[in-house]
C-alpha cells in the first residue's frame, strides 16, 4: 500500500476510532461515578455501548474492506459486540453473575480479535499496531479477571468496568489521533 493510500485510509477511519474511544470513556465515567445504579441500568448502558461499539466497528470494517487486509477483524469484533449488547437487552433480569460472565466473555473475545487485528496491521506495515495490541491485551486481561473472580460484588464490577472502559477509550482516542496525524501532514 502506498503512503498516499495509507493517508486516505487514515482520513476515512480515524474519526470512527475516535467515536469508539469517546463512547468507551463516557461509559467508563458513568460506571465509576454511578456505583449506586441498579443492575438494570448497568445492563442497559452496557447493551447500548456494546451495540454502538459493534455497529461502529462493522461499519469501519465493511467500509474499508478493499483498502485494509485486516478489515474482517473489525467486522468480527463488531458482530461480537452487537451480540453481547442484544443478550444484555433480551435478559435484563439476569443476575450479577450472568452479566459478569457476559462481559467477561465479550471482553476476552473482543480482546483476541483486537490482538489478531494488531498483528495483521503489523504485517501490513502500520505504525499504530501497538495501540491495537495494547487495547486487545487490556481487554483479555480484564475478561480473565472477571471470569476467575465471579464473587466480586456489583460495586467492584462497576469499578472494573469503568476502569476498563476508560483505559480502552483513552487508548482508542490516542490511536485515532495517531491515525489522523498522517492525514493532517498530507493535507
Protein backbone atom coordinates (compact mmCIF):
# COMPACT_ATOMS: atom_id res chain seq x y z
CA UNK A 1 0.00 0.00 0.00
CA UNK A 2 1.41 3.41 -0.99
CA UNK A 3 1.81 6.15 1.62
CA UNK A 4 -0.94 8.23 -0.03
CA UNK A 5 -3.24 5.19 0.19
CA UNK A 6 -2.47 4.88 3.90
CA UNK A 7 -3.27 8.57 4.37
CA UNK A 8 -6.59 8.04 2.58
CA UNK A 9 -7.46 5.11 4.82
CA UNK A 10 -6.46 7.10 7.91
CA UNK A 11 -8.55 10.09 6.79
CA UNK A 12 -11.57 7.87 6.33
CA UNK A 13 -11.28 5.80 9.52
CA UNK A 14 -9.68 7.94 12.24
CA UNK A 15 -12.96 9.52 13.34
CA UNK A 16 -14.62 6.10 13.73
CA UNK A 17 -11.83 5.05 16.10
CA UNK A 18 -12.30 8.37 17.93
CA UNK A 19 -16.06 7.77 18.29
CA UNK A 20 -15.40 4.31 19.74
CA UNK A 21 -12.93 5.82 22.22
CA UNK A 22 -15.30 8.60 23.28
CA UNK A 23 -18.15 6.10 23.78
CA UNK A 24 -15.87 3.92 25.91
CA UNK A 25 -14.75 6.88 28.05
CA UNK A 26 -18.35 8.04 28.58
CA UNK A 27 -19.40 4.52 29.54
CA UNK A 28 -16.42 4.25 31.92
CA UNK A 29 -17.24 7.55 33.63
CA UNK A 30 -20.87 6.51 34.09
CA UNK A 31 -19.80 3.20 35.65
CA UNK A 32 -17.31 4.88 38.01
CA UNK A 33 -19.46 7.77 39.18
CA UNK A 34 -22.81 5.98 39.45
CA UNK A 35 -21.99 2.97 41.62
CA UNK A 36 -25.43 3.12 43.21
CA UNK A 37 -27.10 2.44 39.87
CA UNK A 38 -29.22 -0.65 39.63
CA UNK A 39 -28.18 -3.75 37.75
CA UNK A 40 -30.79 -2.91 35.13
CA UNK A 41 -29.07 0.43 34.47
CA UNK A 42 -25.74 -1.38 34.04
CA UNK A 43 -27.33 -3.87 31.66
CA UNK A 44 -28.93 -1.09 29.58
CA UNK A 45 -25.78 1.06 29.48
CA UNK A 46 -23.60 -1.94 28.63
CA UNK A 47 -26.08 -3.08 25.96
CA UNK A 48 -26.19 0.36 24.35
CA UNK A 49 -22.39 0.68 24.44
CA UNK A 50 -21.83 -2.82 23.04
CA UNK A 51 -24.34 -2.33 20.20
CA UNK A 52 -23.00 1.14 19.28
CA UNK A 53 -19.41 -0.09 19.50
CA UNK A 54 -20.29 -3.11 17.39
CA UNK A 55 -22.12 -1.13 14.72
CA UNK A 56 -19.21 1.34 14.54
CA UNK A 57 -16.69 -1.49 14.18
CA UNK A 58 -18.76 -3.27 11.49
CA UNK A 59 -19.15 -0.01 9.54
CA UNK A 60 -15.40 0.64 9.80
CA UNK A 61 -14.59 -2.89 8.64
CA UNK A 62 -17.04 -3.01 5.76
CA UNK A 63 -16.22 0.50 4.64
CA UNK A 64 -12.54 -0.34 4.30
CA UNK A 65 -12.66 -3.93 3.10
CA UNK A 66 -10.95 -3.01 -0.16
CA UNK A 67 -8.16 -0.95 1.42
CA UNK A 68 -7.32 -2.99 4.55
CA UNK A 69 -6.27 -6.61 4.70
CA UNK A 70 -7.39 -6.79 8.34
CA UNK A 71 -10.91 -5.39 7.78
CA UNK A 72 -12.52 -8.71 8.76
CA UNK A 73 -11.34 -8.30 12.38
CA UNK A 74 -13.31 -5.06 12.65
CA UNK A 75 -16.39 -6.94 11.48
CA UNK A 76 -15.80 -9.88 13.85
CA UNK A 77 -15.34 -7.50 16.80
CA UNK A 78 -18.47 -5.62 15.75
CA UNK A 79 -20.61 -8.73 15.48
CA UNK A 80 -19.43 -9.99 18.89
CA UNK A 81 -20.18 -6.59 20.44
CA UNK A 82 -23.67 -6.42 18.90
CA UNK A 83 -24.46 -9.97 20.07
CA UNK A 84 -23.30 -9.10 23.61
CA UNK A 85 -25.49 -5.98 23.58
CA UNK A 86 -28.54 -7.89 22.34
CA UNK A 87 -28.04 -10.57 25.00
CA UNK A 88 -27.98 -7.81 27.63
CA UNK A 89 -31.30 -6.38 26.34
CA UNK A 90 -33.07 -9.74 25.94
CA UNK A 91 -32.29 -10.86 29.51
CA UNK A 92 -32.37 -7.66 31.61
CA UNK A 93 -33.21 -9.52 34.80
CA UNK A 94 -30.11 -11.69 34.82
CA UNK A 95 -28.08 -12.00 37.96
CA UNK A 96 -24.82 -10.20 38.61
CA UNK A 97 -23.00 -13.45 37.93
CA UNK A 98 -24.60 -13.86 34.50
CA UNK A 99 -23.88 -10.28 33.39
CA UNK A 100 -20.38 -10.70 34.77
CA UNK A 101 -19.81 -13.72 32.51
CA UNK A 102 -21.38 -11.95 29.50
CA UNK A 103 -18.99 -9.03 30.00
CA UNK A 104 -16.03 -11.36 30.66
CA UNK A 105 -16.73 -13.40 27.51
CA UNK A 106 -17.26 -10.28 25.40
CA UNK A 107 -14.08 -8.71 26.74
CA UNK A 108 -11.96 -11.80 26.06
CA UNK A 109 -13.31 -12.35 22.54
CA UNK A 110 -13.08 -8.63 21.72
CA UNK A 111 -9.52 -8.58 23.04
CA UNK A 112 -8.50 -11.61 21.00
CA UNK A 113 -9.93 -10.04 17.83
CA UNK A 114 -8.12 -6.76 18.61
CA UNK A 115 -4.85 -8.69 19.09
CA UNK A 116 -5.37 -10.52 15.77
CA UNK A 117 -6.07 -7.19 14.09
CA UNK A 118 -2.91 -5.71 15.61
CA UNK A 119 -0.77 -8.47 14.11
CA UNK A 120 -2.49 -8.05 10.75
CA UNK A 121 -1.79 -4.30 10.98
CA UNK A 122 1.85 -5.03 11.79
CA UNK A 123 2.19 -7.29 8.74
CA UNK A 124 0.63 -4.52 6.65
CA UNK A 125 3.28 -2.08 7.90
CA UNK A 126 1.08 0.08 10.12
CA UNK A 127 2.97 2.06 12.73
CA UNK A 128 0.00 2.12 15.12
CA UNK A 129 -0.37 -1.65 15.52
CA UNK A 130 0.99 -1.44 19.08
CA UNK A 131 -2.02 0.56 20.24
CA UNK A 132 -4.41 -2.05 18.91
CA UNK A 133 -2.31 -4.73 20.62
CA UNK A 134 -2.41 -2.81 23.93
CA UNK A 135 -6.20 -2.45 23.73
CA UNK A 136 -6.54 -6.18 22.99
CA UNK A 137 -4.30 -7.26 25.86
CA UNK A 138 -6.16 -4.98 28.31
CA UNK A 139 -9.48 -6.47 27.10
CA UNK A 140 -8.31 -10.08 27.51
CA UNK A 141 -6.82 -9.46 30.96
CA UNK A 142 -9.98 -7.70 32.10
CA UNK A 143 -12.16 -10.59 30.91
CA UNK A 144 -9.95 -13.18 32.61
CA UNK A 145 -10.04 -11.29 35.92
CA UNK A 146 -13.85 -11.21 35.79
CA UNK A 147 -14.12 -14.89 34.83
CA UNK A 148 -11.85 -16.20 37.59
CA UNK A 149 -13.25 -13.90 40.28
CA UNK A 150 -17.02 -14.34 39.93
CA UNK A 151 -17.55 -13.49 43.58
CA UNK A 152 -16.70 -9.83 43.09
CA UNK A 153 -19.55 -7.60 44.09
CA UNK A 154 -21.54 -5.34 41.81
CA UNK A 155 -19.69 -2.30 43.11
CA UNK A 156 -16.34 -3.86 42.28
CA UNK A 157 -17.69 -4.90 38.89
CA UNK A 158 -18.79 -1.34 38.21
CA UNK A 159 -15.34 -0.01 39.11
CA UNK A 160 -13.61 -2.65 36.97
CA UNK A 161 -15.91 -2.00 34.02
CA UNK A 162 -15.41 1.75 34.42
CA UNK A 163 -11.63 1.48 34.63
CA UNK A 164 -11.51 -0.90 31.66
CA UNK A 165 -13.70 1.35 29.53
CA UNK A 166 -11.65 4.43 30.45
CA UNK A 167 -8.34 2.76 29.63
CA UNK A 168 -9.64 1.23 26.39
CA UNK A 169 -11.29 4.53 25.45
CA UNK A 170 -8.15 6.57 26.06
CA UNK A 171 -6.13 4.08 24.02
CA UNK A 172 -8.65 4.29 21.17
CA UNK A 173 -8.69 8.12 21.31
CA UNK A 174 -4.89 8.23 21.27
CA UNK A 175 -4.86 5.77 18.38
CA UNK A 176 -7.41 7.90 16.46
CA UNK A 177 -5.18 10.95 16.71
CA UNK A 178 -2.18 8.85 15.67
CA UNK A 179 -4.16 7.76 12.62
CA UNK A 180 -5.11 11.37 11.94
CA UNK A 181 -1.52 12.66 12.14
CA UNK A 182 -0.51 11.43 8.65
CA UNK A 183 -3.81 12.82 7.37
CA UNK A 184 -3.04 16.29 8.74
CA UNK A 185 0.51 16.11 7.34
CA UNK A 186 -0.76 15.03 3.92
CA UNK A 187 -3.32 17.87 3.81
